[in-house]
């Protein structure tokens, strides 16, 4: 009997997942029968390519999705039409040059950019501010590059407790701006060229609260973690 698949803790395992991985194009050691972060990311990409509505693109593979992937059910006409419009575009983009949403979950409303925060970035007025955006998503969720760029930092997670948890990934674009992702587990290395929509990290499962990726935008890499060098990421989502 088919079962619905999703990224869970502990992760789902089984021969049925091996079959799914093969259908998604996995080969060799990647076909491990574990519904982990890489498989979840591949499911999202498959949904994008075959024309799922934007609000249905996630890492869950339900019974209808399984039937579609296995060829047991034909794709609806609206799926085929959407798939056609997405040909040649990076994951999640509506047109060439779009900034790709880094997570599949819906971001909350409002900006947190200038909230006073003792651990935040120092500003010229002497205060420290939360100079980013916290995008809440379950641990293990795929984080995608919002732009084409180069990885200028990739630090592995040292833990998942406390206020400063998880690793970091920083991507510098052609315009010099740096997209910073904190509380994540990197899937890339320093110096790597990445494309918009590429899987670059996964959200670290936080044991002290709701798991999320903390996102910052630096005007320049050399300007670093300084409030005057930072922009509100929420304006781009």
Protein backbone atom coordinates (compact mmCIF):
# COMPACT_ATOMS: atom_id res chain seq x y z
CA UNK A 1 0.00 0.00 0.00
CA UNK A 2 1.33 3.43 -0.94
CA UNK A 3 2.14 5.82 1.89
CA UNK A 4 2.43 9.59 1.86
CA UNK A 5 6.02 10.79 2.12
CA UNK A 6 7.46 13.88 3.77
CA UNK A 7 10.56 15.16 5.51
CA UNK A 8 10.17 13.98 9.10
CA UNK A 9 12.19 13.27 12.22
CA UNK A 10 13.16 10.48 12.36
CA UNK A 11 13.41 10.31 8.58
CA UNK A 12 11.24 7.85 6.68
CA UNK A 13 13.03 4.87 5.18
CA UNK A 14 12.05 2.02 2.86
CA UNK A 15 12.18 0.38 -0.53
CA UNK A 16 9.35 2.60 -1.74
CA UNK A 17 11.61 5.61 -1.20
CA UNK A 18 14.37 3.94 -3.23
CA UNK A 19 11.85 3.64 -6.07
CA UNK A 20 10.99 7.33 -5.76
CA UNK A 21 14.66 8.32 -5.76
CA UNK A 22 15.25 6.36 -8.97
CA UNK A 23 12.27 8.04 -10.63
CA UNK A 24 13.69 11.41 -9.57
CA UNK A 25 16.99 10.59 -11.27
CA UNK A 26 19.12 9.57 -8.30
CA UNK A 27 21.96 7.15 -8.98
CA UNK A 28 24.59 5.20 -7.06
CA UNK A 29 24.92 5.82 -3.33
CA UNK A 30 22.28 8.56 -3.51
CA UNK A 31 19.66 5.81 -3.81
CA UNK A 32 19.68 5.09 -0.07
CA UNK A 33 15.97 4.64 0.66
CA UNK A 34 15.93 7.58 3.08
CA UNK A 35 13.55 10.50 2.63
CA UNK A 36 16.17 13.04 3.62
CA UNK A 37 17.05 16.59 2.67
CA UNK A 38 18.32 15.79 -0.83
CA UNK A 39 15.22 13.77 -1.68
CA UNK A 40 12.96 16.50 -0.30
CA UNK A 41 14.75 19.08 -2.47
CA UNK A 42 14.40 16.87 -5.54
CA UNK A 43 10.65 16.51 -4.91
CA UNK A 44 10.29 20.29 -4.80
CA UNK A 45 12.19 20.61 -8.09
CA UNK A 46 10.10 17.90 -9.73
CA UNK A 47 6.89 19.65 -8.66
CA UNK A 48 8.16 22.89 -10.16
CA UNK A 49 9.13 21.26 -13.45
CA UNK A 50 5.85 19.40 -13.95
CA UNK A 51 3.64 22.41 -13.25
CA UNK A 52 2.35 22.20 -9.69
CA UNK A 53 0.69 25.45 -8.54
CA UNK A 54 3.19 27.65 -6.66
CA UNK A 55 1.39 27.21 -3.32
CA UNK A 56 1.58 23.42 -3.66
CA UNK A 57 5.33 23.22 -4.25
CA UNK A 58 6.81 21.64 -1.14
CA UNK A 59 8.65 18.51 -0.09
CA UNK A 60 5.51 16.47 0.64
CA UNK A 61 4.78 13.66 -1.79
CA UNK A 62 1.17 12.62 -1.23
CA UNK A 63 -0.83 9.89 -2.91
CA UNK A 64 -1.73 12.04 -5.94
CA UNK A 65 1.89 13.12 -6.32
CA UNK A 66 3.06 9.53 -6.14
CA UNK A 67 0.59 8.51 -8.85
CA UNK A 68 1.73 11.38 -11.08
CA UNK A 69 5.42 10.61 -10.56
CA UNK A 70 4.90 6.92 -11.33
CA UNK A 71 2.87 7.67 -14.45
CA UNK A 72 -0.26 6.06 -13.02
CA UNK A 73 -2.27 9.29 -13.37
CA UNK A 74 -2.06 11.78 -16.28
CA UNK A 75 -1.07 15.36 -15.54
CA UNK A 76 -3.98 17.85 -15.61
CA UNK A 77 -4.04 20.39 -18.43
CA UNK A 78 -3.27 23.31 -16.11
CA UNK A 79 -0.14 21.49 -14.91
CA UNK A 80 1.06 21.08 -18.49
CA UNK A 81 0.42 24.76 -19.22
CA UNK A 82 2.37 25.94 -16.16
CA UNK A 83 5.23 23.54 -16.92
CA UNK A 84 5.49 25.07 -20.38
CA UNK A 85 5.83 28.61 -19.00
CA UNK A 86 8.59 27.48 -16.61
CA UNK A 87 10.86 25.92 -19.21
CA UNK A 88 14.35 27.39 -19.01
CA UNK A 89 13.65 29.34 -15.82
CA UNK A 90 15.37 28.73 -12.45
CA UNK A 91 13.34 27.07 -9.72
CA UNK A 92 10.60 29.38 -8.47
CA UNK A 93 11.17 32.23 -10.95
CA UNK A 94 8.31 33.75 -12.95
CA UNK A 95 10.69 35.34 -15.45
CA UNK A 96 14.40 35.48 -16.18
CA UNK A 97 16.32 37.55 -13.64
CA UNK A 98 13.81 37.11 -10.83
CA UNK A 99 15.04 36.71 -7.28
CA UNK A 100 14.15 33.16 -6.26
CA UNK A 101 12.36 32.70 -2.95
CA UNK A 102 14.90 30.83 -0.78
CA UNK A 103 12.36 28.62 1.01
CA UNK A 104 9.16 26.91 -0.11
CA UNK A 105 7.22 27.88 3.01
CA UNK A 106 5.33 31.19 3.02
CA UNK A 107 7.19 34.06 4.73
CA UNK A 108 5.36 35.87 7.50
CA UNK A 109 4.22 39.44 6.99
CA UNK A 110 6.06 42.44 8.33
CA UNK A 111 9.68 43.46 8.72
CA UNK A 112 11.99 42.73 11.66
CA UNK A 113 14.84 44.79 10.28
CA UNK A 114 15.04 47.58 12.85
CA UNK A 115 13.98 45.77 16.02
CA UNK A 116 16.39 46.42 18.91
CA UNK A 117 18.36 43.22 19.55
CA UNK A 118 21.25 42.80 22.00
CA UNK A 119 22.88 40.29 19.62
CA UNK A 120 22.14 42.30 16.49
CA UNK A 121 24.27 44.45 14.22
CA UNK A 122 25.68 47.68 15.66
CA UNK A 123 24.39 50.91 14.11
CA UNK A 124 25.80 54.42 14.04
CA UNK A 125 23.35 55.46 16.78
CA UNK A 126 25.10 53.06 19.17
CA UNK A 127 22.22 50.57 19.30
CA UNK A 128 22.13 47.01 17.97
CA UNK A 129 19.36 45.88 15.66
CA UNK A 130 17.99 42.62 14.29
CA UNK A 131 19.21 43.39 10.78
CA UNK A 132 17.63 40.53 8.89
CA UNK A 133 14.54 38.41 8.37
CA UNK A 134 13.68 35.13 10.13
CA UNK A 135 12.00 32.77 7.67
CA UNK A 136 10.36 29.96 9.63
CA UNK A 137 10.41 26.50 8.10
CA UNK A 138 10.79 22.95 9.50
CA UNK A 139 14.25 21.60 10.18
CA UNK A 140 15.73 20.05 7.06
CA UNK A 141 13.82 22.36 4.70
CA UNK A 142 15.64 23.25 1.49
CA UNK A 143 17.31 26.66 1.26
CA UNK A 144 17.87 27.84 -2.31
CA UNK A 145 20.15 30.49 -3.77
CA UNK A 146 18.04 33.58 -4.52
CA UNK A 147 20.50 34.76 -7.19
CA UNK A 148 23.36 33.58 -9.38
CA UNK A 149 26.59 34.12 -7.49
CA UNK A 150 29.66 32.77 -5.75
CA UNK A 151 29.83 31.17 -2.30
CA UNK A 152 32.11 33.35 -0.15
CA UNK A 153 31.49 31.53 3.14
CA UNK A 154 30.16 28.12 4.12
CA UNK A 155 30.48 27.17 7.78
CA UNK A 156 29.16 23.90 9.14
CA UNK A 157 26.76 23.81 12.04
CA UNK A 158 28.35 23.44 15.47
CA UNK A 159 25.08 22.56 17.17
CA UNK A 160 21.35 23.16 17.33
CA UNK A 161 20.87 24.69 20.78
CA UNK A 162 21.23 28.19 22.18
CA UNK A 163 20.54 31.47 20.38
CA UNK A 164 23.53 31.18 18.05
CA UNK A 165 23.02 27.82 16.37
CA UNK A 166 23.53 26.25 12.97
CA UNK A 167 26.00 27.11 10.23
CA UNK A 168 26.15 29.84 7.62
CA UNK A 169 26.19 30.27 3.85
CA UNK A 170 27.05 33.57 2.16
CA UNK A 171 26.52 34.15 -1.57
CA UNK A 172 27.89 37.20 -3.35
CA UNK A 173 26.17 38.34 -6.52
CA UNK A 174 27.59 40.19 -9.54
CA UNK A 175 26.39 43.48 -7.99
CA UNK A 176 28.59 42.90 -4.93
CA UNK A 177 25.72 42.32 -2.53
CA UNK A 178 26.00 39.35 -0.22
CA UNK A 179 23.05 37.16 0.75
CA UNK A 180 23.66 35.66 4.19
CA UNK A 181 21.87 32.58 5.52
CA UNK A 182 22.33 31.66 9.18
CA UNK A 183 21.06 28.70 11.22
CA UNK A 184 21.56 26.39 8.24
CA UNK A 185 23.56 23.32 7.23
CA UNK A 186 25.59 24.11 4.08
CA UNK A 187 25.37 21.99 0.93
CA UNK A 188 28.02 24.03 -0.92
CA UNK A 189 31.67 24.99 -0.45
CA UNK A 190 33.55 28.29 -0.61
CA UNK A 191 34.35 29.31 -4.17
CA UNK A 192 31.50 27.37 -5.74
CA UNK A 193 29.48 29.12 -8.46
CA UNK A 194 25.77 28.71 -7.79
CA UNK A 195 22.67 29.37 -9.85
CA UNK A 196 19.44 30.96 -8.66
CA UNK A 197 17.19 28.20 -7.32
CA UNK A 198 20.07 25.83 -6.49
CA UNK A 199 19.92 23.86 -3.22
CA UNK A 200 22.66 25.52 -1.13
CA UNK A 201 21.69 24.63 2.45
CA UNK A 202 19.09 23.08 4.70
CA UNK A 203 17.45 24.66 7.73
CA UNK A 204 19.03 23.45 10.97
CA UNK A 205 16.59 21.78 13.36
CA UNK A 206 16.64 24.10 16.38
CA UNK A 207 16.08 22.47 19.76
CA UNK A 208 15.40 25.80 21.50
CA UNK A 209 12.52 27.10 19.41
CA UNK A 210 10.93 27.23 15.98
CA UNK A 211 13.43 26.28 13.26
CA UNK A 212 14.16 29.06 10.77
CA UNK A 213 16.73 30.55 8.43
CA UNK A 214 17.94 34.00 9.44
CA UNK A 215 18.53 35.98 6.24
CA UNK A 216 20.62 39.12 5.82
CA UNK A 217 21.69 41.21 2.83
CA UNK A 218 25.02 43.03 2.99
CA UNK A 219 25.69 45.89 0.59
CA UNK A 220 29.32 44.76 0.35
CA UNK A 221 31.29 41.80 1.69
CA UNK A 222 34.01 44.01 3.19
CA UNK A 223 31.40 46.09 5.03
CA UNK A 224 30.52 43.00 7.04
CA UNK A 225 28.08 42.67 9.92
CA UNK A 226 27.34 46.36 10.40
CA UNK A 227 23.82 47.76 10.37
CA UNK A 228 24.77 50.59 8.01
CA UNK A 229 26.00 47.93 5.53
CA UNK A 230 22.77 45.93 5.62
CA UNK A 231 19.45 46.00 3.78
CA UNK A 232 16.01 44.73 4.74
CA UNK A 233 15.58 41.34 2.98
CA UNK A 234 11.78 41.48 3.31
CA UNK A 235 11.55 44.03 0.49
CA UNK A 236 12.70 41.36 -1.98
CA UNK A 237 10.07 38.75 -1.04
